[in-house]
């Protein structure tokens, strides 16, 4: 488990992280989303003991990370700004990782490189941006580290390869009970792979949720009644958002779907449709409850 307690970091007069608190459960995929400059990269660098926090603590498996080489052997980090040694091939980089990580699996790396059609003997500097990202990710995965950190995880990767990489990452978590922390400025990139998502804003976590709970406890309804109605007509339901256009209302509800359906049927609706809600919409509605607008944050 990763436990972050009152973490703060500033660059001069600019506060990047401020009293941030968070817990990441073992054997899960946790996503941090937020606009550029929200503090995602700084947070991952502090967790990996690359940057020093101004205040606060980070514990991994009950031990302080700062200057702890034993704990750092459990970690691998792929930054947003990738670096490879000049003239190194993928095989050279793999051997470099192997020299640092005792559990590095060269055979598995060769298999992943073949699947992704990456030439082990070609110089990485000649690869495209997306291919370089793939090289970095599979090298990290093959370390078999207990905790993996991927910053702007799929930057430059096309949709087909992105979906393949997601399958590889999910398989790694399942196979090795790995804990994976990912960041992105694009919520849609992470919504179908993460167990938990946290929205970073102005140095803190504005909103955090278990994805499965969020998806099962929120739903969209379109309804029309024979009689005139307004939001107060549905006062017995937990309404996050209510919009009425003409005789049809679109309502975002929280709670048990079947219970809400039974309550709504008692009103003898002319129209009653339950529609899917995207994770982005869910975040929008939850932030509105907190008094924020989505475009203020992104």
C-alpha atoms as a PDB file:
ATOM      1  CA  UNK A   1       0.000   0.000   0.000  1.00  0.00           C
ATOM      2  CA  UNK A   2       1.069   3.560  -0.709  1.00  0.00           C
ATOM      3  CA  UNK A   3       0.118   6.142   1.892  1.00  0.00           C
ATOM      4  CA  UNK A   4       0.581   9.836   1.159  1.00  0.00           C
ATOM      5  CA  UNK A   5       0.196  12.120   4.157  1.00  0.00           C
ATOM      6  CA  UNK A   6      -0.068  15.943   3.957  1.00  0.00           C
ATOM      7  CA  UNK A   7       2.313  16.213   1.018  1.00  0.00           C
ATOM      8  CA  UNK A   8       3.313  19.724  -0.100  1.00  0.00           C
ATOM      9  CA  UNK A   9       5.727  20.975  -2.737  1.00  0.00           C
ATOM     10  CA  UNK A  10       6.454  24.448  -4.104  1.00  0.00           C
ATOM     11  CA  UNK A  11       8.748  25.848  -6.761  1.00  0.00           C
ATOM     12  CA  UNK A  12       9.596  29.309  -5.515  1.00  0.00           C
ATOM     13  CA  UNK A  13       6.280  31.044  -4.844  1.00  0.00           C
ATOM     14  CA  UNK A  14       4.281  28.543  -6.905  1.00  0.00           C
ATOM     15  CA  UNK A  15       2.530  25.826  -4.895  1.00  0.00           C
ATOM     16  CA  UNK A  16       2.345  22.625  -6.918  1.00  0.00           C
ATOM     17  CA  UNK A  17       1.080  20.257  -4.209  1.00  0.00           C
ATOM     18  CA  UNK A  18      -0.581  21.361  -1.004  1.00  0.00           C
ATOM     19  CA  UNK A  19      -1.458  19.074   1.911  1.00  0.00           C
ATOM     20  CA  UNK A  20      -2.276  16.204  -0.430  1.00  0.00           C
ATOM     21  CA  UNK A  21      -3.551  12.986   1.172  1.00  0.00           C
ATOM     22  CA  UNK A  22      -4.111   9.703  -0.628  1.00  0.00           C
ATOM     23  CA  UNK A  23      -3.989   5.932  -0.198  1.00  0.00           C
ATOM     24  CA  UNK A  24      -3.387   3.458  -3.015  1.00  0.00           C
ATOM     25  CA  UNK A  25      -4.299  -0.148  -2.274  1.00  0.00           C
ATOM     26  CA  UNK A  26      -1.973  -2.987  -3.174  1.00  0.00           C
ATOM     27  CA  UNK A  27      -2.719  -4.908  -6.389  1.00  0.00           C
ATOM     28  CA  UNK A  28      -4.774  -2.179  -8.020  1.00  0.00           C
ATOM     29  CA  UNK A  29      -4.533   0.276 -10.903  1.00  0.00           C
ATOM     30  CA  UNK A  30      -4.874   3.843  -9.668  1.00  0.00           C
ATOM     31  CA  UNK A  31      -5.196   6.791 -12.027  1.00  0.00           C
ATOM     32  CA  UNK A  32      -4.437  10.457 -11.444  1.00  0.00           C
ATOM     33  CA  UNK A  33      -6.060  12.777 -13.971  1.00  0.00           C
ATOM     34  CA  UNK A  34      -5.769  16.526 -14.284  1.00  0.00           C
ATOM     35  CA  UNK A  35      -4.838  19.343 -16.606  1.00  0.00           C
ATOM     36  CA  UNK A  36      -1.222  20.078 -17.464  1.00  0.00           C
ATOM     37  CA  UNK A  37       0.372  21.720 -14.434  1.00  0.00           C
ATOM     38  CA  UNK A  38      -1.974  20.065 -11.939  1.00  0.00           C
ATOM     39  CA  UNK A  39       0.952  18.392 -10.158  1.00  0.00           C
ATOM     40  CA  UNK A  40       0.750  14.839 -11.544  1.00  0.00           C
ATOM     41  CA  UNK A  41       4.386  14.555 -12.640  1.00  0.00           C
ATOM     42  CA  UNK A  42       5.674  16.209  -9.482  1.00  0.00           C
ATOM     43  CA  UNK A  43       3.677  13.802  -7.337  1.00  0.00           C
ATOM     44  CA  UNK A  44       5.081  10.718  -9.091  1.00  0.00           C
ATOM     45  CA  UNK A  45       8.628  12.051  -8.872  1.00  0.00           C
ATOM     46  CA  UNK A  46       8.259  12.645  -5.137  1.00  0.00           C
ATOM     47  CA  UNK A  47       6.841   9.156  -4.563  1.00  0.00           C
ATOM     48  CA  UNK A  48       9.849   7.734  -6.419  1.00  0.00           C
ATOM     49  CA  UNK A  49      12.251   9.872  -4.357  1.00  0.00           C
ATOM     50  CA  UNK A  50      13.451  11.838  -7.388  1.00  0.00           C
ATOM     51  CA  UNK A  51      12.146  15.136  -5.986  1.00  0.00           C
ATOM     52  CA  UNK A  52      11.997  16.049  -2.316  1.00  0.00           C
ATOM     53  CA  UNK A  53       8.759  17.252  -0.771  1.00  0.00           C
ATOM     54  CA  UNK A  54       8.701  20.439   1.294  1.00  0.00           C
ATOM     55  CA  UNK A  55       6.603  18.663   3.908  1.00  0.00           C
ATOM     56  CA  UNK A  56       4.614  15.499   4.429  1.00  0.00           C
ATOM     57  CA  UNK A  57       5.418  11.795   4.247  1.00  0.00           C
ATOM     58  CA  UNK A  58       5.109   8.916   1.819  1.00  0.00           C
ATOM     59  CA  UNK A  59       5.033   5.322   3.028  1.00  0.00           C
ATOM     60  CA  UNK A  60       5.143   2.207   0.871  1.00  0.00           C
ATOM     61  CA  UNK A  61       4.370  -1.049   2.640  1.00  0.00           C
ATOM     62  CA  UNK A  62       4.723   0.804   5.938  1.00  0.00           C
ATOM     63  CA  UNK A  63       8.209   2.193   5.228  1.00  0.00           C
ATOM     64  CA  UNK A  64       9.263   5.774   4.490  1.00  0.00           C
ATOM     65  CA  UNK A  65      10.454   6.054   0.875  1.00  0.00           C
ATOM     66  CA  UNK A  66      12.925   8.896   1.339  1.00  0.00           C
ATOM     67  CA  UNK A  67      16.520   7.575   0.911  1.00  0.00           C
ATOM     68  CA  UNK A  68      15.315   3.996   1.372  1.00  0.00           C
ATOM     69  CA  UNK A  69      17.117   1.863  -1.221  1.00  0.00           C
ATOM     70  CA  UNK A  70      15.316  -1.322  -0.203  1.00  0.00           C
ATOM     71  CA  UNK A  71      11.923   0.245  -0.890  1.00  0.00           C
ATOM     72  CA  UNK A  72      13.119   1.862  -4.132  1.00  0.00           C
ATOM     73  CA  UNK A  73      14.034  -1.576  -5.493  1.00  0.00           C
ATOM     74  CA  UNK A  74      10.274  -2.245  -5.491  1.00  0.00           C
ATOM     75  CA  UNK A  75       9.586   0.778  -7.717  1.00  0.00           C
ATOM     76  CA  UNK A  76       9.918   1.536 -11.415  1.00  0.00           C
ATOM     77  CA  UNK A  77       9.041   4.874 -12.984  1.00  0.00           C
ATOM     78  CA  UNK A  78       8.390   5.855 -16.609  1.00  0.00           C
ATOM     79  CA  UNK A  79       8.385   9.684 -16.830  1.00  0.00           C
ATOM     80  CA  UNK A  80       6.471  11.808 -19.292  1.00  0.00           C
ATOM     81  CA  UNK A  81       9.742  13.121 -20.791  1.00  0.00           C
ATOM     82  CA  UNK A  82      11.422   9.902 -21.904  1.00  0.00           C
ATOM     83  CA  UNK A  83      15.201   9.536 -22.000  1.00  0.00           C
ATOM     84  CA  UNK A  84      17.234   6.822 -23.675  1.00  0.00           C
ATOM     85  CA  UNK A  85      21.004   6.571 -23.875  1.00  0.00           C
ATOM     86  CA  UNK A  86      22.316   7.719 -27.283  1.00  0.00           C
ATOM     87  CA  UNK A  87      22.612   4.928 -29.856  1.00  0.00           C
ATOM     88  CA  UNK A  88      21.040   2.366 -27.503  1.00  0.00           C
ATOM     89  CA  UNK A  89      18.864  -0.337 -28.994  1.00  0.00           C
ATOM     90  CA  UNK A  90      15.855  -1.799 -27.203  1.00  0.00           C
ATOM     91  CA  UNK A  91      18.047  -4.768 -26.305  1.00  0.00           C
ATOM     92  CA  UNK A  92      20.655  -2.419 -24.806  1.00  0.00           C
ATOM     93  CA  UNK A  93      17.979  -0.688 -22.715  1.00  0.00           C
ATOM     94  CA  UNK A  94      16.621  -4.038 -21.592  1.00  0.00           C
ATOM     95  CA  UNK A  95      20.081  -5.090 -20.421  1.00  0.00           C
ATOM     96  CA  UNK A  96      20.409  -1.775 -18.566  1.00  0.00           C
ATOM     97  CA  UNK A  97      17.146  -2.445 -16.710  1.00  0.00           C
ATOM     98  CA  UNK A  98      18.245  -6.034 -16.078  1.00  0.00           C
ATOM     99  CA  UNK A  99      21.392  -4.768 -14.355  1.00  0.00           C
ATOM    100  CA  UNK A 100      19.259  -2.858 -11.825  1.00  0.00           C
ATOM    101  CA  UNK A 101      16.299  -5.195 -11.275  1.00  0.00           C
ATOM    102  CA  UNK A 102      16.913  -8.740 -10.089  1.00  0.00           C
ATOM    103  CA  UNK A 103      13.535 -10.015 -11.315  1.00  0.00           C
ATOM    104  CA  UNK A 104      13.838  -8.605 -14.843  1.00  0.00           C
ATOM    105  CA  UNK A 105      12.305 -11.008 -17.390  1.00  0.00           C
ATOM    106  CA  UNK A 106      14.213 -10.760 -20.668  1.00  0.00           C
ATOM    107  CA  UNK A 107      12.251 -13.575 -22.295  1.00  0.00           C
ATOM    108  CA  UNK A 108       8.963 -11.784 -21.635  1.00  0.00           C
ATOM    109  CA  UNK A 109      10.367  -8.518 -22.980  1.00  0.00           C
ATOM    110  CA  UNK A 110      11.348 -10.216 -26.234  1.00  0.00           C
ATOM    111  CA  UNK A 111       7.819 -11.621 -26.469  1.00  0.00           C
ATOM    112  CA  UNK A 112       6.228  -8.193 -25.889  1.00  0.00           C
ATOM    113  CA  UNK A 113       8.597  -6.553 -28.390  1.00  0.00           C
ATOM    114  CA  UNK A 114       7.578  -9.130 -30.985  1.00  0.00           C
ATOM    115  CA  UNK A 115       3.879  -8.574 -30.253  1.00  0.00           C
ATOM    116  CA  UNK A 116       4.309  -4.802 -30.646  1.00  0.00           C
ATOM    117  CA  UNK A 117       6.573  -5.243 -33.692  1.00  0.00           C
ATOM    118  CA  UNK A 118       9.505  -3.469 -32.058  1.00  0.00           C
ATOM    119  CA  UNK A 119      12.929  -4.458 -33.402  1.00  0.00           C
ATOM    120  CA  UNK A 120      15.161  -5.356 -30.446  1.00  0.00           C
ATOM    121  CA  UNK A 121      18.302  -4.437 -32.423  1.00  0.00           C
ATOM    122  CA  UNK A 122      17.198  -1.092 -33.835  1.00  0.00           C
ATOM    123  CA  UNK A 123      18.324   2.176 -32.268  1.00  0.00           C
ATOM    124  CA  UNK A 124      15.543   3.656 -30.167  1.00  0.00           C
ATOM    125  CA  UNK A 125      16.455   7.180 -31.291  1.00  0.00           C
ATOM    126  CA  UNK A 126      15.146   6.259 -34.753  1.00  0.00           C
ATOM    127  CA  UNK A 127      11.761   5.136 -33.413  1.00  0.00           C
ATOM    128  CA  UNK A 128       8.616   7.274 -33.510  1.00  0.00           C
ATOM    129  CA  UNK A 129       7.321   8.977 -30.372  1.00  0.00           C
ATOM    130  CA  UNK A 130       4.732   6.251 -29.833  1.00  0.00           C
ATOM    131  CA  UNK A 131       7.267   3.459 -30.321  1.00  0.00           C
ATOM    132  CA  UNK A 132       9.614   5.060 -27.791  1.00  0.00           C
ATOM    133  CA  UNK A 133       6.739   5.121 -25.289  1.00  0.00           C
ATOM    134  CA  UNK A 134       6.112   1.434 -25.951  1.00  0.00           C
ATOM    135  CA  UNK A 135       9.808   0.629 -25.376  1.00  0.00           C
ATOM    136  CA  UNK A 136       9.798   2.437 -22.038  1.00  0.00           C
ATOM    137  CA  UNK A 137       6.584   0.781 -20.866  1.00  0.00           C
ATOM    138  CA  UNK A 138       7.573  -2.799 -21.697  1.00  0.00           C
ATOM    139  CA  UNK A 139      11.028  -2.361 -20.150  1.00  0.00           C
ATOM    140  CA  UNK A 140       9.345  -1.164 -16.950  1.00  0.00           C
ATOM    141  CA  UNK A 141       6.772  -3.968 -16.979  1.00  0.00           C
ATOM    142  CA  UNK A 142       9.487  -6.613 -17.377  1.00  0.00           C
ATOM    143  CA  UNK A 143      11.275  -5.449 -14.229  1.00  0.00           C
ATOM    144  CA  UNK A 144       8.453  -7.157 -12.306  1.00  0.00           C
ATOM    145  CA  UNK A 145       8.684  -4.359  -9.740  1.00  0.00           C
ATOM    146  CA  UNK A 146       5.941  -4.363  -7.102  1.00  0.00           C
ATOM    147  CA  UNK A 147       4.975  -0.758  -7.865  1.00  0.00           C
ATOM    148  CA  UNK A 148       4.948   0.736 -11.364  1.00  0.00           C
ATOM    149  CA  UNK A 149       4.470   4.431 -12.139  1.00  0.00           C
ATOM    150  CA  UNK A 150       3.569   5.582 -15.647  1.00  0.00           C
ATOM    151  CA  UNK A 151       3.374   9.334 -16.292  1.00  0.00           C
ATOM    152  CA  UNK A 152       1.206  10.389 -19.272  1.00  0.00           C
ATOM    153  CA  UNK A 153       0.991   6.677 -19.917  1.00  0.00           C
ATOM    154  CA  UNK A 154      -0.179   6.575 -23.517  1.00  0.00           C
ATOM    155  CA  UNK A 155       1.250   9.829 -24.852  1.00  0.00           C
ATOM    156  CA  UNK A 156       1.826   9.512 -28.601  1.00  0.00           C
ATOM    157  CA  UNK A 157       0.410   5.974 -28.813  1.00  0.00           C
ATOM    158  CA  UNK A 158      -2.290   5.248 -31.396  1.00  0.00           C
ATOM    159  CA  UNK A 159      -5.656   3.785 -30.250  1.00  0.00           C
ATOM    160  CA  UNK A 160      -4.970   0.214 -31.396  1.00  0.00           C
ATOM    161  CA  UNK A 161      -1.617  -0.040 -29.609  1.00  0.00           C
ATOM    162  CA  UNK A 162      -3.071   1.791 -26.604  1.00  0.00           C
ATOM    163  CA  UNK A 163      -5.696  -0.906 -26.151  1.00  0.00           C
ATOM    164  CA  UNK A 164      -3.049  -3.610 -26.494  1.00  0.00           C
ATOM    165  CA  UNK A 165      -0.844  -1.916 -23.880  1.00  0.00           C
ATOM    166  CA  UNK A 166      -3.804  -1.696 -21.515  1.00  0.00           C
ATOM    167  CA  UNK A 167      -4.250  -5.465 -21.804  1.00  0.00           C
ATOM    168  CA  UNK A 168      -0.538  -5.992 -21.102  1.00  0.00           C
ATOM    169  CA  UNK A 169      -0.669  -3.711 -18.049  1.00  0.00           C
ATOM    170  CA  UNK A 170      -3.826  -5.363 -16.690  1.00  0.00           C
ATOM    171  CA  UNK A 171      -2.288  -8.816 -17.196  1.00  0.00           C
ATOM    172  CA  UNK A 172       0.817  -7.723 -15.285  1.00  0.00           C
ATOM    173  CA  UNK A 173      -1.281  -6.562 -12.335  1.00  0.00           C
ATOM    174  CA  UNK A 174      -3.196  -9.820 -12.285  1.00  0.00           C
ATOM    175  CA  UNK A 175      -0.164 -12.055 -12.812  1.00  0.00           C
ATOM    176  CA  UNK A 176       2.250 -10.483 -10.342  1.00  0.00           C
ATOM    177  CA  UNK A 177      -0.152  -8.665  -7.974  1.00  0.00           C
ATOM    178  CA  UNK A 178       1.470  -5.443  -9.098  1.00  0.00           C
ATOM    179  CA  UNK A 179       0.280  -1.997  -8.019  1.00  0.00           C
ATOM    180  CA  UNK A 180       0.187   0.404 -10.953  1.00  0.00           C
ATOM    181  CA  UNK A 181      -0.182   4.179 -10.743  1.00  0.00           C
ATOM    182  CA  UNK A 182      -0.916   6.013 -13.975  1.00  0.00           C
ATOM    183  CA  UNK A 183      -1.417   9.651 -14.914  1.00  0.00           C
ATOM    184  CA  UNK A 184      -3.049  11.352 -17.863  1.00  0.00           C
ATOM    185  CA  UNK A 185      -4.551  14.709 -18.759  1.00  0.00           C
ATOM    186  CA  UNK A 186      -7.219  12.709 -20.615  1.00  0.00           C
ATOM    187  CA  UNK A 187      -9.816  11.011 -18.421  1.00  0.00           C
ATOM    188  CA  UNK A 188     -10.994   8.792 -21.288  1.00  0.00           C
ATOM    189  CA  UNK A 189      -7.543   7.182 -21.572  1.00  0.00           C
ATOM    190  CA  UNK A 190      -7.802   5.763 -18.051  1.00  0.00           C
ATOM    191  CA  UNK A 191     -11.491   5.125 -17.426  1.00  0.00           C
ATOM    192  CA  UNK A 192     -11.551   1.552 -18.765  1.00  0.00           C
ATOM    193  CA  UNK A 193      -8.449   0.292 -16.951  1.00  0.00           C
ATOM    194  CA  UNK A 194      -8.285   1.945 -13.516  1.00  0.00           C
ATOM    195  CA  UNK A 195      -9.858   0.635 -10.315  1.00  0.00           C
ATOM    196  CA  UNK A 196      -9.714   4.095  -8.738  1.00  0.00           C
ATOM    197  CA  UNK A 197      -9.456   7.571 -10.217  1.00  0.00           C
ATOM    198  CA  UNK A 198      -8.456  10.824  -8.540  1.00  0.00           C
ATOM    199  CA  UNK A 199      -8.772  14.292 -10.049  1.00  0.00           C
ATOM    200  CA  UNK A 200      -5.867  16.596  -9.212  1.00  0.00           C
ATOM    201  CA  UNK A 201      -6.599  20.304  -9.103  1.00  0.00           C
ATOM    202  CA  UNK A 202      -4.532  23.160  -7.662  1.00  0.00           C
ATOM    203  CA  UNK A 203      -2.235  20.821  -5.765  1.00  0.00           C
ATOM    204  CA  UNK A 204      -4.871  18.657  -4.123  1.00  0.00           C
ATOM    205  CA  UNK A 205      -7.314  15.876  -4.863  1.00  0.00           C
ATOM    206  CA  UNK A 206     -10.582  17.493  -5.834  1.00  0.00           C
ATOM    207  CA  UNK A 207     -12.475  14.261  -6.369  1.00  0.00           C
ATOM    208  CA  UNK A 208     -11.663  10.563  -5.869  1.00  0.00           C
ATOM    209  CA  UNK A 209     -13.742   7.465  -6.424  1.00  0.00           C
ATOM    210  CA  UNK A 210     -13.772   3.733  -6.896  1.00  0.00           C
ATOM    211  CA  UNK A 211     -14.669   3.394 -10.590  1.00  0.00           C
ATOM    212  CA  UNK A 212     -16.989   0.402 -10.217  1.00  0.00           C
ATOM    213  CA  UNK A 213     -18.927   2.070  -7.403  1.00  0.00           C
ATOM    214  CA  UNK A 214     -19.217   5.252  -9.426  1.00  0.00           C
ATOM    215  CA  UNK A 215     -20.489   3.387 -12.489  1.00  0.00           C
ATOM    216  CA  UNK A 216     -23.090   1.352 -10.609  1.00  0.00           C
ATOM    217  CA  UNK A 217     -24.386   4.176  -8.394  1.00  0.00           C
ATOM    218  CA  UNK A 218     -25.006   6.831 -11.042  1.00  0.00           C
ATOM    219  CA  UNK A 219     -27.329   6.731 -14.025  1.00  0.00           C
ATOM    220  CA  UNK A 220     -29.137   8.996 -16.487  1.00  0.00           C
ATOM    221  CA  UNK A 221     -32.914   9.046 -16.948  1.00  0.00           C
ATOM    222  CA  UNK A 222     -35.047  10.680 -19.610  1.00  0.00           C
ATOM    223  CA  UNK A 223     -38.638  11.073 -18.474  1.00  0.00           C
ATOM    224  CA  UNK A 224     -41.876  12.737 -19.518  1.00  0.00           C
ATOM    225  CA  UNK A 225     -45.140  12.854 -17.561  1.00  0.00           C
ATOM    226  CA  UNK A 226     -48.719  13.573 -18.596  1.00  0.00           C
ATOM    227  CA  UNK A 227     -48.985  16.369 -16.033  1.00  0.00           C
ATOM    228  CA  UNK A 228     -46.721  19.406 -15.658  1.00  0.00           C
ATOM    229  CA  UNK A 229     -43.658  18.609 -13.502  1.00  0.00           C
ATOM    230  CA  UNK A 230     -40.389  20.053 -12.216  1.00  0.00           C
ATOM    231  CA  UNK A 231     -37.413  18.975 -10.114  1.00  0.00           C
ATOM    232  CA  UNK A 232     -39.521  18.928  -6.926  1.00  0.00           C
ATOM    233  CA  UNK A 233     -41.657  16.163  -8.433  1.00  0.00           C
ATOM    234  CA  UNK A 234     -38.702  13.822  -7.850  1.00  0.00           C
ATOM    235  CA  UNK A 235     -37.759  15.058  -4.368  1.00  0.00           C
ATOM    236  CA  UNK A 236     -37.647  11.484  -3.025  1.00  0.00           C
ATOM    237  CA  UNK A 237     -34.695  10.699  -5.319  1.00  0.00           C
ATOM    238  CA  UNK A 238     -31.031  11.687  -5.038  1.00  0.00           C
ATOM    239  CA  UNK A 239     -30.701  14.093  -7.962  1.00  0.00           C
ATOM    240  CA  UNK A 240     -27.283  15.297  -9.118  1.00  0.00           C
ATOM    241  CA  UNK A 241     -28.504  17.171 -12.169  1.00  0.00           C
ATOM    242  CA  UNK A 242     -31.918  18.113 -13.600  1.00  0.00           C
ATOM    243  CA  UNK A 243     -32.549  19.643 -17.025  1.00  0.00           C
ATOM    244  CA  UNK A 244     -35.919  19.979 -18.711  1.00  0.00           C
ATOM    245  CA  UNK A 245     -36.432  20.762 -22.383  1.00  0.00           C
ATOM    246  CA  UNK A 246     -40.072  21.084 -23.377  1.00  0.00           C
ATOM    247  CA  UNK A 247     -41.955  18.156 -21.884  1.00  0.00           C
ATOM    248  CA  UNK A 248     -38.912  15.885 -21.439  1.00  0.00           C
ATOM    249  CA  UNK A 249     -36.482  16.007 -18.513  1.00  0.00           C
ATOM    250  CA  UNK A 250     -32.998  14.511 -18.332  1.00  0.00           C
ATOM    251  CA  UNK A 251     -32.075  13.588 -14.767  1.00  0.00           C
ATOM    252  CA  UNK A 252     -28.794  12.310 -13.339  1.00  0.00           C
ATOM    253  CA  UNK A 253     -29.470  10.159 -10.295  1.00  0.00           C
ATOM    254  CA  UNK A 254     -27.406   8.454  -7.606  1.00  0.00           C
ATOM    255  CA  UNK A 255     -28.445   5.356  -5.730  1.00  0.00           C
ATOM    256  CA  UNK A 256     -29.943   1.977  -6.537  1.00  0.00           C
ATOM    257  CA  UNK A 257     -31.125   1.831 -10.132  1.00  0.00           C
ATOM    258  CA  UNK A 258     -33.932  -0.693  -9.585  1.00  0.00           C
ATOM    259  CA  UNK A 259     -35.300   1.228  -6.616  1.00  0.00           C
ATOM    260  CA  UNK A 260     -35.309   4.459  -8.624  1.00  0.00           C
ATOM    261  CA  UNK A 261     -37.014   2.687 -11.532  1.00  0.00           C
ATOM    262  CA  UNK A 262     -39.848   1.477  -9.282  1.00  0.00           C
ATOM    263  CA  UNK A 263     -40.335   4.975  -7.850  1.00  0.00           C
ATOM    264  CA  UNK A 264     -40.438   6.545 -11.298  1.00  0.00           C
ATOM    265  CA  UNK A 265     -42.901   3.980 -12.667  1.00  0.00           C
ATOM    266  CA  UNK A 266     -45.382   5.005  -9.947  1.00  0.00           C
ATOM    267  CA  UNK A 267     -45.634   8.381 -11.709  1.00  0.00           C
ATOM    268  CA  UNK A 268     -47.041   6.639 -14.835  1.00  0.00           C
ATOM    269  CA  UNK A 269     -44.539   8.252 -17.200  1.00  0.00           C
ATOM    270  CA  UNK A 270     -45.208   8.694 -20.898  1.00  0.00           C
ATOM    271  CA  UNK A 271     -41.464   8.279 -21.538  1.00  0.00           C
ATOM    272  CA  UNK A 272     -39.016   6.501 -19.221  1.00  0.00           C
ATOM    273  CA  UNK A 273     -35.576   5.647 -20.603  1.00  0.00           C
ATOM    274  CA  UNK A 274     -32.404   4.744 -18.716  1.00  0.00           C
ATOM    275  CA  UNK A 275     -29.268   5.826 -20.576  1.00  0.00           C
ATOM    276  CA  UNK A 276     -25.557   5.104 -20.045  1.00  0.00           C
ATOM    277  CA  UNK A 277     -23.377   7.747 -18.399  1.00  0.00           C
ATOM    278  CA  UNK A 278     -19.724   8.141 -19.362  1.00  0.00           C
ATOM    279  CA  UNK A 279     -17.112   8.434 -16.641  1.00  0.00           C
ATOM    280  CA  UNK A 280     -16.353  11.958 -17.830  1.00  0.00           C
ATOM    281  CA  UNK A 281     -19.999  12.903 -17.308  1.00  0.00           C
ATOM    282  CA  UNK A 282     -19.901  11.344 -13.842  1.00  0.00           C
ATOM    283  CA  UNK A 283     -16.917  13.484 -12.904  1.00  0.00           C
ATOM    284  CA  UNK A 284     -18.652  16.571 -14.296  1.00  0.00           C
ATOM    285  CA  UNK A 285     -21.781  16.004 -12.196  1.00  0.00           C
ATOM    286  CA  UNK A 286     -19.850  15.168  -9.024  1.00  0.00           C
ATOM    287  CA  UNK A 287     -17.758  18.325  -9.421  1.00  0.00           C
ATOM    288  CA  UNK A 288     -20.876  20.424  -9.897  1.00  0.00           C
ATOM    289  CA  UNK A 289     -22.076  19.159  -6.527  1.00  0.00           C
ATOM    290  CA  UNK A 290     -18.736  20.310  -5.076  1.00  0.00           C
ATOM    291  CA  UNK A 291     -19.213  23.728  -6.681  1.00  0.00           C
ATOM    292  CA  UNK A 292     -16.783  23.335  -9.588  1.00  0.00           C
ATOM    293  CA  UNK A 293     -17.237  23.397 -13.332  1.00  0.00           C
ATOM    294  CA  UNK A 294     -15.383  20.893 -15.481  1.00  0.00           C
ATOM    295  CA  UNK A 295     -13.906  23.593 -17.721  1.00  0.00           C
ATOM    296  CA  UNK A 296     -12.474  25.328 -14.652  1.00  0.00           C
ATOM    297  CA  UNK A 297     -10.412  22.240 -13.870  1.00  0.00           C
ATOM    298  CA  UNK A 298      -9.325  21.117 -17.353  1.00  0.00           C
END
